[in-house]
Full PDB file with SEQRES, HELIX, SHEET, SSBOND, CRYST1, ORIGX, SCALE, CONECT and MASTER records, all heavy atoms in Angstrom:
SEQRES   1 A   34  LEU TYR THR LEU ALA LEU HIS ARG TYR LEU GLY HIS ARG          
SEQRES   2 A   34  VAL ALA ASP TYR ASP TYR GLU ARG HIS PHE GLY GLY VAL          
SEQRES   3 A   34  PHE TYR LEU PHE LEU ARG GLY MET                              
HELIX    1 AA1 TYR A    2  ARG A   13  1                                  12    
HELIX    2 AA2 TYR A   19  HIS A   22  1                                   4    
HELIX    3 AA3 LEU A   31  GLY A   33  5                                   3    
CRYST1    1.000    1.000    1.000  90.00  90.00  90.00 P 1           1          
ORIGX1      1.000000  0.000000  0.000000        0.00000                         
ORIGX2      0.000000  1.000000  0.000000        0.00000                         
ORIGX3      0.000000  0.000000  1.000000        0.00000                         
SCALE1      1.000000  0.000000  0.000000        0.00000                         
SCALE2      0.000000  1.000000  0.000000        0.00000                         
SCALE3      0.000000  0.000000  1.000000        0.00000                         
ATOM      1  N   LEU A   1      -0.512  -2.118  10.153  1.00  0.00           N  
ATOM      2  CA  LEU A   1      -1.549  -3.128   9.922  1.00  0.00           C  
ATOM      3  C   LEU A   1      -2.142  -2.913   8.514  1.00  0.00           C  
ATOM      4  O   LEU A   1      -2.454  -3.868   7.819  1.00  0.00           O  
ATOM      5  CB  LEU A   1      -2.605  -3.033  10.957  1.00  0.00           C  
ATOM      6  CG  LEU A   1      -2.177  -3.381  12.409  1.00  0.00           C  
ATOM      7  CD1 LEU A   1      -3.311  -3.152  13.409  1.00  0.00           C  
ATOM      8  CD2 LEU A   1      -1.692  -4.823  12.497  1.00  0.00           C  
ATOM      9  N   TYR A   2      -2.386  -1.668   8.193  1.00  0.00           N  
ATOM     10  CA  TYR A   2      -2.946  -1.328   6.864  1.00  0.00           C  
ATOM     11  C   TYR A   2      -1.999  -1.811   5.741  1.00  0.00           C  
ATOM     12  O   TYR A   2      -2.484  -2.380   4.700  1.00  0.00           O  
ATOM     13  CB  TYR A   2      -3.164   0.137   6.686  1.00  0.00           C  
ATOM     14  CG  TYR A   2      -4.372   0.710   7.459  1.00  0.00           C  
ATOM     15  CD1 TYR A   2      -4.567   2.100   7.451  1.00  0.00           C  
ATOM     16  CD2 TYR A   2      -5.184  -0.089   8.210  1.00  0.00           C  
ATOM     17  CE1 TYR A   2      -5.630   2.657   8.095  1.00  0.00           C  
ATOM     18  CE2 TYR A   2      -6.241   0.495   8.865  1.00  0.00           C  
ATOM     19  CZ  TYR A   2      -6.482   1.879   8.840  1.00  0.00           C  
ATOM     20  OH  TYR A   2      -7.517   2.389   9.539  1.00  0.00           O  
ATOM     21  N   THR A   3      -0.709  -1.580   5.940  1.00  0.00           N  
ATOM     22  CA  THR A   3       0.265  -1.992   4.928  1.00  0.00           C  
ATOM     23  C   THR A   3       0.280  -3.510   4.778  1.00  0.00           C  
ATOM     24  O   THR A   3       0.319  -4.031   3.624  1.00  0.00           O  
ATOM     25  CB  THR A   3       1.653  -1.469   5.302  1.00  0.00           C  
ATOM     26  OG1 THR A   3       1.671  -0.066   5.399  1.00  0.00           O  
ATOM     27  CG2 THR A   3       2.697  -1.970   4.287  1.00  0.00           C  
ATOM     28  N   LEU A   4       0.261  -4.221   5.876  1.00  0.00           N  
ATOM     29  CA  LEU A   4       0.199  -5.683   5.782  1.00  0.00           C  
ATOM     30  C   LEU A   4      -1.048  -6.163   5.081  1.00  0.00           C  
ATOM     31  O   LEU A   4      -1.000  -7.031   4.199  1.00  0.00           O  
ATOM     32  CB  LEU A   4       0.261  -6.296   7.178  1.00  0.00           C  
ATOM     33  CG  LEU A   4       0.178  -7.815   7.229  1.00  0.00           C  
ATOM     34  CD1 LEU A   4       1.242  -8.495   6.434  1.00  0.00           C  
ATOM     35  CD2 LEU A   4       0.225  -8.311   8.722  1.00  0.00           C  
ATOM     36  N   ALA A   5      -2.206  -5.572   5.418  1.00  0.00           N  
ATOM     37  CA  ALA A   5      -3.433  -5.945   4.753  1.00  0.00           C  
ATOM     38  C   ALA A   5      -3.406  -5.671   3.225  1.00  0.00           C  
ATOM     39  O   ALA A   5      -3.775  -6.512   2.444  1.00  0.00           O  
ATOM     40  CB  ALA A   5      -4.652  -5.210   5.390  1.00  0.00           C  
ATOM     41  N   LEU A   6      -2.913  -4.474   2.865  1.00  0.00           N  
ATOM     42  CA  LEU A   6      -2.818  -4.168   1.443  1.00  0.00           C  
ATOM     43  C   LEU A   6      -1.806  -5.040   0.716  1.00  0.00           C  
ATOM     44  O   LEU A   6      -2.028  -5.455  -0.413  1.00  0.00           O  
ATOM     45  CB  LEU A   6      -2.498  -2.677   1.263  1.00  0.00           C  
ATOM     46  CG  LEU A   6      -2.454  -2.169  -0.197  1.00  0.00           C  
ATOM     47  CD1 LEU A   6      -3.763  -2.435  -0.897  1.00  0.00           C  
ATOM     48  CD2 LEU A   6      -2.120  -0.678  -0.216  1.00  0.00           C  
ATOM     49  N   HIS A   7      -0.693  -5.302   1.398  1.00  0.00           N  
ATOM     50  CA  HIS A   7       0.312  -6.238   0.858  1.00  0.00           C  
ATOM     51  C   HIS A   7      -0.239  -7.567   0.449  1.00  0.00           C  
ATOM     52  O   HIS A   7      -0.013  -8.108  -0.618  1.00  0.00           O  
ATOM     53  CB  HIS A   7       1.464  -6.357   1.821  1.00  0.00           C  
ATOM     54  CG  HIS A   7       2.446  -7.482   1.547  1.00  0.00           C  
ATOM     55  ND1 HIS A   7       3.293  -7.496   0.456  1.00  0.00           N  
ATOM     56  CD2 HIS A   7       2.620  -8.644   2.214  1.00  0.00           C  
ATOM     57  CE1 HIS A   7       3.977  -8.572   0.483  1.00  0.00           C  
ATOM     58  NE2 HIS A   7       3.638  -9.320   1.508  1.00  0.00           N  
ATOM     59  N   ARG A   8      -1.040  -8.124   1.375  1.00  0.00           N  
ATOM     60  CA  ARG A   8      -1.687  -9.443   1.098  1.00  0.00           C  
ATOM     61  C   ARG A   8      -2.752  -9.307   0.019  1.00  0.00           C  
ATOM     62  O   ARG A   8      -2.835 -10.230  -0.828  1.00  0.00           O  
ATOM     63  CB  ARG A   8      -2.309  -9.979   2.376  1.00  0.00           C  
ATOM     64  CG  ARG A   8      -1.251 -10.394   3.438  1.00  0.00           C  
ATOM     65  CD  ARG A   8      -1.950 -11.033   4.649  1.00  0.00           C  
ATOM     66  NE  ARG A   8      -0.994 -11.601   5.585  1.00  0.00           N  
ATOM     67  CZ  ARG A   8      -1.304 -12.254   6.693  1.00  0.00           C  
ATOM     68  NH1 ARG A   8      -2.582 -12.392   6.996  1.00  0.00           N  
ATOM     69  NH2 ARG A   8      -0.392 -12.735   7.501  1.00  0.00           N  
ATOM     70  N   TYR A   9      -3.490  -8.249   0.026  1.00  0.00           N  
ATOM     71  CA  TYR A   9      -4.536  -8.014  -1.017  1.00  0.00           C  
ATOM     72  C   TYR A   9      -3.893  -7.930  -2.375  1.00  0.00           C  
ATOM     73  O   TYR A   9      -4.357  -8.578  -3.311  1.00  0.00           O  
ATOM     74  CB  TYR A   9      -5.276  -6.732  -0.652  1.00  0.00           C  
ATOM     75  CG  TYR A   9      -6.361  -6.320  -1.654  1.00  0.00           C  
ATOM     76  CD1 TYR A   9      -7.612  -6.930  -1.602  1.00  0.00           C  
ATOM     77  CD2 TYR A   9      -6.070  -5.375  -2.619  1.00  0.00           C  
ATOM     78  CE1 TYR A   9      -8.600  -6.558  -2.496  1.00  0.00           C  
ATOM     79  CE2 TYR A   9      -7.095  -4.996  -3.517  1.00  0.00           C  
ATOM     80  CZ  TYR A   9      -8.343  -5.572  -3.474  1.00  0.00           C  
ATOM     81  OH  TYR A   9      -9.317  -5.218  -4.353  1.00  0.00           O  
ATOM     82  N   LEU A  10      -2.859  -7.134  -2.522  1.00  0.00           N  
ATOM     83  CA  LEU A  10      -2.175  -6.950  -3.782  1.00  0.00           C  
ATOM     84  C   LEU A  10      -1.533  -8.262  -4.296  1.00  0.00           C  
ATOM     85  O   LEU A  10      -1.504  -8.545  -5.464  1.00  0.00           O  
ATOM     86  CB  LEU A  10      -1.119  -5.882  -3.730  1.00  0.00           C  
ATOM     87  CG  LEU A  10      -1.658  -4.435  -3.456  1.00  0.00           C  
ATOM     88  CD1 LEU A  10      -0.452  -3.465  -3.320  1.00  0.00           C  
ATOM     89  CD2 LEU A  10      -2.536  -4.010  -4.580  1.00  0.00           C  
ATOM     90  N   GLY A  11      -1.058  -9.056  -3.323  1.00  0.00           N  
ATOM     91  CA  GLY A  11      -0.456 -10.351  -3.683  1.00  0.00           C  
ATOM     92  C   GLY A  11      -1.466 -11.255  -4.345  1.00  0.00           C  
ATOM     93  O   GLY A  11      -1.090 -12.093  -5.158  1.00  0.00           O  
ATOM     94  N   HIS A  12      -2.756 -11.090  -4.063  1.00  0.00           N  
ATOM     95  CA  HIS A  12      -3.800 -11.944  -4.658  1.00  0.00           C  
ATOM     96  C   HIS A  12      -4.316 -11.304  -5.953  1.00  0.00           C  
ATOM     97  O   HIS A  12      -4.902 -11.999  -6.787  1.00  0.00           O  
ATOM     98  CB  HIS A  12      -4.946 -12.134  -3.681  1.00  0.00           C  
ATOM     99  CG  HIS A  12      -4.669 -12.991  -2.531  1.00  0.00           C  
ATOM    100  ND1 HIS A  12      -4.421 -14.355  -2.683  1.00  0.00           N  
ATOM    101  CD2 HIS A  12      -4.536 -12.725  -1.247  1.00  0.00           C  
ATOM    102  CE1 HIS A  12      -4.188 -14.880  -1.441  1.00  0.00           C  
ATOM    103  NE2 HIS A  12      -4.222 -13.915  -0.580  1.00  0.00           N  
ATOM    104  N   ARG A  13      -4.175  -9.973  -6.131  1.00  0.00           N  
ATOM    105  CA  ARG A  13      -4.863  -9.253  -7.202  1.00  0.00           C  
ATOM    106  C   ARG A  13      -3.901  -8.818  -8.328  1.00  0.00           C  
ATOM    107  O   ARG A  13      -4.368  -8.578  -9.445  1.00  0.00           O  
ATOM    108  CB  ARG A  13      -5.560  -8.045  -6.659  1.00  0.00           C  
ATOM    109  CG  ARG A  13      -6.747  -8.391  -5.702  1.00  0.00           C  
ATOM    110  CD  ARG A  13      -7.792  -9.217  -6.402  1.00  0.00           C  
ATOM    111  NE  ARG A  13      -8.960  -9.423  -5.559  1.00  0.00           N  
ATOM    112  CZ  ARG A  13     -10.071  -8.700  -5.612  1.00  0.00           C  
ATOM    113  NH1 ARG A  13     -10.150  -7.687  -6.503  1.00  0.00           N  
ATOM    114  NH2 ARG A  13     -11.081  -8.941  -4.857  1.00  0.00           N  
ATOM    115  N   VAL A  14      -2.601  -8.686  -8.059  1.00  0.00           N  
ATOM    116  CA  VAL A  14      -1.691  -8.120  -9.047  1.00  0.00           C  
ATOM    117  C   VAL A  14      -0.772  -9.204  -9.551  1.00  0.00           C  
ATOM    118  O   VAL A  14      -0.075  -9.895  -8.821  1.00  0.00           O  
ATOM    119  CB  VAL A  14      -0.839  -6.955  -8.445  1.00  0.00           C  
ATOM    120  CG1 VAL A  14       0.144  -6.424  -9.497  1.00  0.00           C  
ATOM    121  CG2 VAL A  14      -1.753  -5.813  -7.979  1.00  0.00           C  
ATOM    122  N   ALA A  15      -0.779  -9.406 -10.861  1.00  0.00           N  
ATOM    123  CA  ALA A  15       0.127 -10.411 -11.454  1.00  0.00           C  
ATOM    124  C   ALA A  15       1.570 -10.068 -11.231  1.00  0.00           C  
ATOM    125  O   ALA A  15       1.988  -8.927 -11.318  1.00  0.00           O  
ATOM    126  CB  ALA A  15      -0.157 -10.458 -12.982  1.00  0.00           C  
ATOM    127  N   ASP A  16       2.363 -11.027 -10.862  1.00  0.00           N  
ATOM    128  CA  ASP A  16       3.797 -10.860 -10.541  1.00  0.00           C  
ATOM    129  C   ASP A  16       4.012  -9.804  -9.503  1.00  0.00           C  
ATOM    130  O   ASP A  16       4.976  -8.999  -9.665  1.00  0.00           O  
ATOM    131  CB  ASP A  16       4.552 -10.479 -11.861  1.00  0.00           C  
ATOM    132  CG  ASP A  16       4.389 -11.567 -12.958  1.00  0.00           C  
ATOM    133  OD1 ASP A  16       4.422 -12.765 -12.593  1.00  0.00           O  
ATOM    134  OD2 ASP A  16       4.229 -11.173 -14.148  1.00  0.00           O  
ATOM    135  N   TYR A  17       3.145  -9.760  -8.512  1.00  0.00           N  
ATOM    136  CA  TYR A  17       3.299  -8.743  -7.463  1.00  0.00           C  
ATOM    137  C   TYR A  17       4.631  -8.823  -6.748  1.00  0.00           C  
ATOM    138  O   TYR A  17       5.058  -9.923  -6.377  1.00  0.00           O  
ATOM    139  CB  TYR A  17       2.168  -8.858  -6.458  1.00  0.00           C  
ATOM    140  CG  TYR A  17       2.342  -7.993  -5.223  1.00  0.00           C  
ATOM    141  CD1 TYR A  17       2.215  -6.647  -5.282  1.00  0.00           C  
ATOM    142  CD2 TYR A  17       2.668  -8.626  -4.015  1.00  0.00           C  
ATOM    143  CE1 TYR A  17       2.393  -5.843  -4.162  1.00  0.00           C  
ATOM    144  CE2 TYR A  17       2.876  -7.857  -2.886  1.00  0.00           C  
ATOM    145  CZ  TYR A  17       2.732  -6.455  -2.935  1.00  0.00           C  
ATOM    146  OH  TYR A  17       2.936  -5.689  -1.816  1.00  0.00           O  
ATOM    147  N   ASP A  18       5.205  -7.679  -6.547  1.00  0.00           N  
ATOM    148  CA  ASP A  18       6.443  -7.562  -5.774  1.00  0.00           C  
ATOM    149  C   ASP A  18       6.364  -6.263  -4.922  1.00  0.00           C  
ATOM    150  O   ASP A  18       6.111  -5.185  -5.438  1.00  0.00           O  
ATOM    151  CB  ASP A  18       7.694  -7.485  -6.724  1.00  0.00           C  
ATOM    152  CG  ASP A  18       8.969  -7.283  -5.966  1.00  0.00           C  
ATOM    153  OD1 ASP A  18       9.459  -8.277  -5.386  1.00  0.00           O  
ATOM    154  OD2 ASP A  18       9.489  -6.160  -5.968  1.00  0.00           O  
ATOM    155  N   TYR A  19       6.566  -6.393  -3.634  1.00  0.00           N  
ATOM    156  CA  TYR A  19       6.404  -5.270  -2.715  1.00  0.00           C  
ATOM    157  C   TYR A  19       7.271  -4.106  -3.147  1.00  0.00           C  
ATOM    158  O   TYR A  19       6.802  -2.957  -3.211  1.00  0.00           O  
ATOM    159  CB  TYR A  19       6.709  -5.676  -1.262  1.00  0.00           C  
ATOM    160  CG  TYR A  19       6.594  -4.575  -0.277  1.00  0.00           C  
ATOM    161  CD1 TYR A  19       5.340  -4.343   0.343  1.00  0.00           C  
ATOM    162  CD2 TYR A  19       7.646  -3.759   0.090  1.00  0.00           C  
ATOM    163  CE1 TYR A  19       5.187  -3.329   1.270  1.00  0.00           C  
ATOM    164  CE2 TYR A  19       7.498  -2.734   1.002  1.00  0.00           C  
ATOM    165  CZ  TYR A  19       6.281  -2.513   1.610  1.00  0.00           C  
ATOM    166  OH  TYR A  19       6.091  -1.492   2.521  1.00  0.00           O  
ATOM    167  N   GLU A  20       8.548  -4.372  -3.401  1.00  0.00           N  
ATOM    168  CA  GLU A  20       9.450  -3.281  -3.755  1.00  0.00           C  
ATOM    169  C   GLU A  20       9.045  -2.554  -5.032  1.00  0.00           C  
ATOM    170  O   GLU A  20       9.204  -1.333  -5.143  1.00  0.00           O  
ATOM    171  CB  GLU A  20      10.889  -3.805  -3.884  1.00  0.00           C  
ATOM    172  CG  GLU A  20      11.500  -4.399  -2.621  1.00  0.00           C  
ATOM    173  CD  GLU A  20      11.901  -3.310  -1.632  1.00  0.00           C  
ATOM    174  OE1 GLU A  20      11.528  -2.133  -1.834  1.00  0.00           O  
ATOM    175  OE2 GLU A  20      12.605  -3.634  -0.702  1.00  0.00           O  
ATOM    176  N   ARG A  21       8.468  -3.306  -5.959  1.00  0.00           N  
ATOM    177  CA  ARG A  21       8.099  -2.719  -7.263  1.00  0.00           C  
ATOM    178  C   ARG A  21       6.731  -2.020  -7.243  1.00  0.00           C  
ATOM    179  O   ARG A  21       6.506  -1.036  -7.913  1.00  0.00           O  
ATOM    180  CB  ARG A  21       8.146  -3.826  -8.262  1.00  0.00           C  
ATOM    181  CG  ARG A  21       8.595  -3.381  -9.653  1.00  0.00           C  
ATOM    182  CD  ARG A  21       9.172  -4.521 -10.485  1.00  0.00           C  
ATOM    183  NE  ARG A  21       8.691  -5.865 -10.121  1.00  0.00           N  
ATOM    184  CZ  ARG A  21       7.683  -6.475 -10.765  1.00  0.00           C  
ATOM    185  NH1 ARG A  21       7.028  -5.853 -11.759  1.00  0.00           N  
ATOM    186  NH2 ARG A  21       7.299  -7.684 -10.411  1.00  0.00           N  
ATOM    187  N   HIS A  22       5.811  -2.596  -6.457  1.00  0.00           N  
ATOM    188  CA  HIS A  22       4.397  -2.178  -6.562  1.00  0.00           C  
ATOM    189  C   HIS A  22       3.878  -1.349  -5.402  1.00  0.00           C  
ATOM    190  O   HIS A  22       2.905  -0.645  -5.580  1.00  0.00           O  
ATOM    191  CB  HIS A  22       3.498  -3.425  -6.694  1.00  0.00           C  
ATOM    192  CG  HIS A  22       3.664  -4.118  -8.019  1.00  0.00           C  
ATOM    193  ND1 HIS A  22       4.312  -5.327  -8.156  1.00  0.00           N  
ATOM    194  CD2 HIS A  22       3.260  -3.791  -9.266  1.00  0.00           C  
ATOM    195  CE1 HIS A  22       4.296  -5.720  -9.368  1.00  0.00           C  
ATOM    196  NE2 HIS A  22       3.694  -4.812 -10.106  1.00  0.00           N  
ATOM    197  N   PHE A  23       4.501  -1.406  -4.233  1.00  0.00           N  
ATOM    198  CA  PHE A  23       3.985  -0.687  -3.122  1.00  0.00           C  
ATOM    199  C   PHE A  23       4.672   0.623  -2.962  1.00  0.00           C  
ATOM    200  O   PHE A  23       5.873   0.742  -2.774  1.00  0.00           O  
ATOM    201  CB  PHE A  23       4.132  -1.474  -1.764  1.00  0.00           C  
ATOM    202  CG  PHE A  23       3.417  -0.819  -0.624  1.00  0.00           C  
ATOM    203  CD1 PHE A  23       2.031  -0.956  -0.482  1.00  0.00           C  
ATOM    204  CD2 PHE A  23       4.096  -0.056   0.320  1.00  0.00           C  
ATOM    205  CE1 PHE A  23       1.342  -0.365   0.578  1.00  0.00           C  
ATOM    206  CE2 PHE A  23       3.410   0.528   1.377  1.00  0.00           C  
ATOM    207  CZ  PHE A  23       2.027   0.399   1.466  1.00  0.00           C  
ATOM    208  N   GLY A  24       3.890   1.738  -3.067  1.00  0.00           N  
ATOM    209  CA  GLY A  24       4.468   3.104  -3.069  1.00  0.00           C  
ATOM    210  C   GLY A  24       4.613   3.720  -1.727  1.00  0.00           C  
ATOM    211  O   GLY A  24       5.503   4.519  -1.487  1.00  0.00           O  
ATOM    212  N   GLY A  25       3.736   3.354  -0.746  1.00  0.00           N  
ATOM    213  CA  GLY A  25       3.872   3.884   0.605  1.00  0.00           C  
ATOM    214  C   GLY A  25       2.566   4.327   1.224  1.00  0.00           C  
ATOM    215  O   GLY A  25       1.450   4.047   0.681  1.00  0.00           O  
ATOM    216  N   VAL A  26       2.667   5.039   2.305  1.00  0.00           N  
ATOM    217  CA  VAL A  26       1.532   5.465   3.152  1.00  0.00           C  
ATOM    218  C   VAL A  26       1.491   6.986   3.241  1.00  0.00           C  
ATOM    219  O   VAL A  26       2.490   7.650   3.520  1.00  0.00           O  
ATOM    220  CB  VAL A  26       1.712   4.881   4.550  1.00  0.00           C  
ATOM    221  CG1 VAL A  26       0.629   5.343   5.442  1.00  0.00           C  
ATOM    222  CG2 VAL A  26       1.740   3.334   4.486  1.00  0.00           C  
ATOM    223  N   PHE A  27       0.324   7.561   3.017  1.00  0.00           N  
ATOM    224  CA  PHE A  27       0.049   8.968   3.211  1.00  0.00           C  
ATOM    225  C   PHE A  27      -0.948   9.146   4.369  1.00  0.00           C  
ATOM    226  O   PHE A  27      -1.993   8.548   4.315  1.00  0.00           O  
ATOM    227  CB  PHE A  27      -0.465   9.689   1.938  1.00  0.00           C  
ATOM    228  CG  PHE A  27       0.548   9.829   0.805  1.00  0.00           C  
ATOM    229  CD1 PHE A  27       0.481   9.012  -0.290  1.00  0.00           C  
ATOM    230  CD2 PHE A  27       1.558  10.758   0.950  1.00  0.00           C  
ATOM    231  CE1 PHE A  27       1.393   9.168  -1.321  1.00  0.00           C  
ATOM    232  CE2 PHE A  27       2.446  10.932  -0.085  1.00  0.00           C  
ATOM    233  CZ  PHE A  27       2.364  10.146  -1.203  1.00  0.00           C  
ATOM    234  N   TYR A  28      -0.606  10.064   5.299  1.00  0.00           N  
ATOM    235  CA  TYR A  28      -1.553  10.490   6.285  1.00  0.00           C  
ATOM    236  C   TYR A  28      -1.771  11.944   6.076  1.00  0.00           C  
ATOM    237  O   TYR A  28      -0.810  12.745   6.161  1.00  0.00           O  
ATOM    238  CB  TYR A  28      -1.051  10.172   7.700  1.00  0.00           C  
ATOM    239  CG  TYR A  28      -1.452   8.834   8.237  1.00  0.00           C  
ATOM    240  CD1 TYR A  28      -1.216   7.674   7.460  1.00  0.00           C  
ATOM    241  CD2 TYR A  28      -2.139   8.711   9.446  1.00  0.00           C  
ATOM    242  CE1 TYR A  28      -1.591   6.438   7.937  1.00  0.00           C  
ATOM    243  CE2 TYR A  28      -2.499   7.432   9.909  1.00  0.00           C  
ATOM    244  CZ  TYR A  28      -2.234   6.332   9.159  1.00  0.00           C  
ATOM    245  OH  TYR A  28      -2.642   5.125   9.598  1.00  0.00           O  
ATOM    246  N   LEU A  29      -3.018  12.355   5.771  1.00  0.00           N  
ATOM    247  CA  LEU A  29      -3.288  13.761   5.509  1.00  0.00           C  
ATOM    248  C   LEU A  29      -3.873  14.421   6.719  1.00  0.00           C  
ATOM    249  O   LEU A  29      -5.017  14.100   7.114  1.00  0.00           O  
ATOM    250  CB  LEU A  29      -4.247  13.922   4.323  1.00  0.00           C  
ATOM    251  CG  LEU A  29      -3.852  13.304   2.983  1.00  0.00           C  
ATOM    252  CD1 LEU A  29      -4.839  13.740   1.880  1.00  0.00           C  
ATOM    253  CD2 LEU A  29      -2.392  13.672   2.600  1.00  0.00           C  
ATOM    254  N   PHE A  30      -3.117  15.300   7.375  1.00  0.00           N  
ATOM    255  CA  PHE A  30      -3.650  16.093   8.492  1.00  0.00           C  
ATOM    256  C   PHE A  30      -4.369  17.343   7.838  1.00  0.00           C  
ATOM    257  O   PHE A  30      -3.709  18.339   7.538  1.00  0.00           O  
ATOM    258  CB  PHE A  30      -2.486  16.507   9.396  1.00  0.00           C  
ATOM    259  CG  PHE A  30      -1.982  15.374  10.244  1.00  0.00           C  
ATOM    260  CD1 PHE A  30      -1.183  14.391   9.712  1.00  0.00           C  
ATOM    261  CD2 PHE A  30      -2.333  15.316  11.620  1.00  0.00           C  
ATOM    262  CE1 PHE A  30      -0.722  13.345  10.516  1.00  0.00           C  
ATOM    263  CE2 PHE A  30      -1.852  14.260  12.421  1.00  0.00           C  
ATOM    264  CZ  PHE A  30      -1.059  13.288  11.858  1.00  0.00           C  
ATOM    265  N   LEU A  31      -5.681  17.183   7.640  1.00  0.00           N  
ATOM    266  CA  LEU A  31      -6.430  18.085   6.768  1.00  0.00           C  
ATOM    267  C   LEU A  31      -6.318  19.522   7.259  1.00  0.00           C  
ATOM    268  O   LEU A  31      -6.253  20.435   6.399  1.00  0.00           O  
ATOM    269  CB  LEU A  31      -7.887  17.637   6.717  1.00  0.00           C  
ATOM    270  CG  LEU A  31      -8.129  16.211   6.144  1.00  0.00           C  
ATOM    271  CD1 LEU A  31      -9.579  15.841   6.324  1.00  0.00           C  
ATOM    272  CD2 LEU A  31      -7.756  16.181   4.661  1.00  0.00           C  
ATOM    273  N   ARG A  32      -6.251  19.754   8.543  1.00  0.00           N  
ATOM    274  CA  ARG A  32      -6.221  21.132   9.053  1.00  0.00           C  
ATOM    275  C   ARG A  32      -4.965  21.845   8.723  1.00  0.00           C  
ATOM    276  O   ARG A  32      -4.892  23.093   8.747  1.00  0.00           O  
ATOM    277  CB  ARG A  32      -6.440  21.155  10.591  1.00  0.00           C  
ATOM    278  CG  ARG A  32      -7.832  20.611  10.991  1.00  0.00           C  
ATOM    279  CD  ARG A  32      -7.944  20.585  12.506  1.00  0.00           C  
ATOM    280  NE  ARG A  32      -9.077  19.855  12.963  1.00  0.00           N  
ATOM    281  CZ  ARG A  32     -10.322  20.395  13.218  1.00  0.00           C  
ATOM    282  NH1 ARG A  32     -10.491  21.678  12.964  1.00  0.00           N  
ATOM    283  NH2 ARG A  32     -11.293  19.638  13.640  1.00  0.00           N  
ATOM    284  N   GLY A  33      -3.922  21.128   8.376  1.00  0.00           N  
ATOM    285  CA  GLY A  33      -2.607  21.737   8.100  1.00  0.00           C  
ATOM    286  C   GLY A  33      -2.323  21.913   6.617  1.00  0.00           C  
ATOM    287  O   GLY A  33      -1.315  22.463   6.275  1.00  0.00           O  
ATOM    288  N   MET A  34      -3.267  21.483   5.738  1.00  0.00           N  
ATOM    289  CA  MET A  34      -2.996  21.550   4.283  1.00  0.00           C  
ATOM    290  C   MET A  34      -3.471  22.881   3.758  1.00  0.00           C  
ATOM    291  O   MET A  34      -4.575  22.995   3.287  1.00  0.00           O  
ATOM    292  CB  MET A  34      -3.702  20.377   3.598  1.00  0.00           C  
ATOM    293  CG  MET A  34      -3.135  19.031   4.053  1.00  0.00           C  
ATOM    294  SD  MET A  34      -3.962  17.637   3.253  1.00  0.00           S  
ATOM    295  CE  MET A  34      -3.405  17.809   1.560  1.00  0.00           C  
TER     296      MET A  34                                                      
MASTER        0    0    0    3    0    0    0    6  295    1    0    3          
END                                                                             
């Protein structure tokens, strides 16, 4: 859901937005394990 929301947001904010080119991915930090 977060990815879809950010994908739509970037589509409105980034010139010539392309998912493959501009979206790097998702990080989940399990803080106790770092």
